[in-house]
Amino acid sequence: MLRADYHERGEKPRYLGDPVLPLEFDPYLYRLEQKERALRIMRVREQGAQAVADALSDLNL
């Protein structure tokens, strides 16, 4: 989203291959992406564990 917003407000590339964002943004965007990915993985893992626990509780062993 940051890249898209910057692209809309920023100057257009001067030539083919001209980077749209300054390279200084790359490490920050990478860390942000990794953090969001880790949160998503944790959320999926928790929901999966809860689904398995619910399914096993319905078995009445």
Protein backbone atom coordinates (compact mmCIF):
# COMPACT_ATOMS: atom_id res chain seq x y z
CA MET A 1 0.00 0.00 0.00
CA LEU A 2 2.89 2.34 0.79
CA ARG A 3 4.39 1.70 -2.62
CA ALA A 4 1.06 2.38 -4.35
CA ASP A 5 0.45 5.59 -2.41
CA TYR A 6 3.96 6.84 -3.07
CA HIS A 7 3.62 5.98 -6.75
CA GLU A 8 0.40 8.01 -7.05
CA ARG A 9 1.86 11.07 -5.34
CA GLY A 10 5.43 10.82 -6.55
CA GLU A 11 6.97 11.85 -9.80
CA LYS A 12 6.64 9.54 -12.77
CA PRO A 13 9.74 7.59 -13.82
CA ARG A 14 11.97 9.56 -16.14
CA TYR A 15 12.95 6.53 -18.20
CA LEU A 16 12.25 2.81 -18.49
CA GLY A 17 13.86 1.09 -15.53
CA ASP A 18 13.93 4.21 -13.35
CA PRO A 19 13.07 3.00 -9.84
CA VAL A 20 9.72 4.30 -8.64
CA LEU A 21 10.74 4.31 -4.97
CA PRO A 22 14.10 5.29 -3.58
CA LEU A 23 16.19 2.25 -2.69
CA GLU A 24 16.34 3.48 0.90
CA PHE A 25 12.74 2.32 1.36
CA ASP A 26 13.51 -1.32 0.53
CA PRO A 27 14.81 -2.45 3.96
CA TYR A 28 11.88 -0.82 5.76
CA LEU A 29 9.32 -2.29 3.38
CA TYR A 30 10.96 -5.71 3.67
CA ARG A 31 10.82 -5.61 7.49
CA LEU A 32 7.20 -4.47 7.39
CA GLU A 33 6.32 -7.30 5.01
CA GLN A 34 8.09 -9.87 7.20
CA LYS A 35 6.28 -8.63 10.31
CA GLU A 36 2.88 -8.81 8.60
CA ARG A 37 3.68 -12.28 7.26
CA ALA A 38 4.68 -13.50 10.75
CA LEU A 39 1.46 -12.13 12.26
CA ARG A 40 -0.61 -13.79 9.54
CA ILE A 41 1.15 -17.13 10.06
CA MET A 42 0.62 -16.93 13.83
CA ARG A 43 -3.07 -16.10 13.36
CA VAL A 44 -3.56 -19.02 10.94
CA ARG A 45 -1.74 -21.38 13.31
CA GLU A 46 -3.93 -20.32 16.25
CA GLN A 47 -7.14 -20.65 14.24
CA GLY A 48 -6.04 -24.05 12.94
CA ALA A 49 -5.25 -25.31 16.42
CA GLN A 50 -8.62 -24.07 17.66
CA ALA A 51 -10.42 -25.79 14.76
CA VAL A 52 -8.69 -29.09 15.54
CA ALA A 53 -9.51 -28.74 19.25
CA ASP A 54 -13.16 -28.05 18.41
CA ALA A 55 -13.32 -31.03 16.07
CA LEU A 56 -11.77 -33.35 18.69
CA SER A 57 -14.11 -32.12 21.41
CA ASP A 58 -17.08 -33.12 19.24
CA LEU A 59 -15.89 -36.75 19.07
CA ASN A 60 -16.84 -37.49 22.73
CA LEU A 61 -14.16 -40.11 23.24
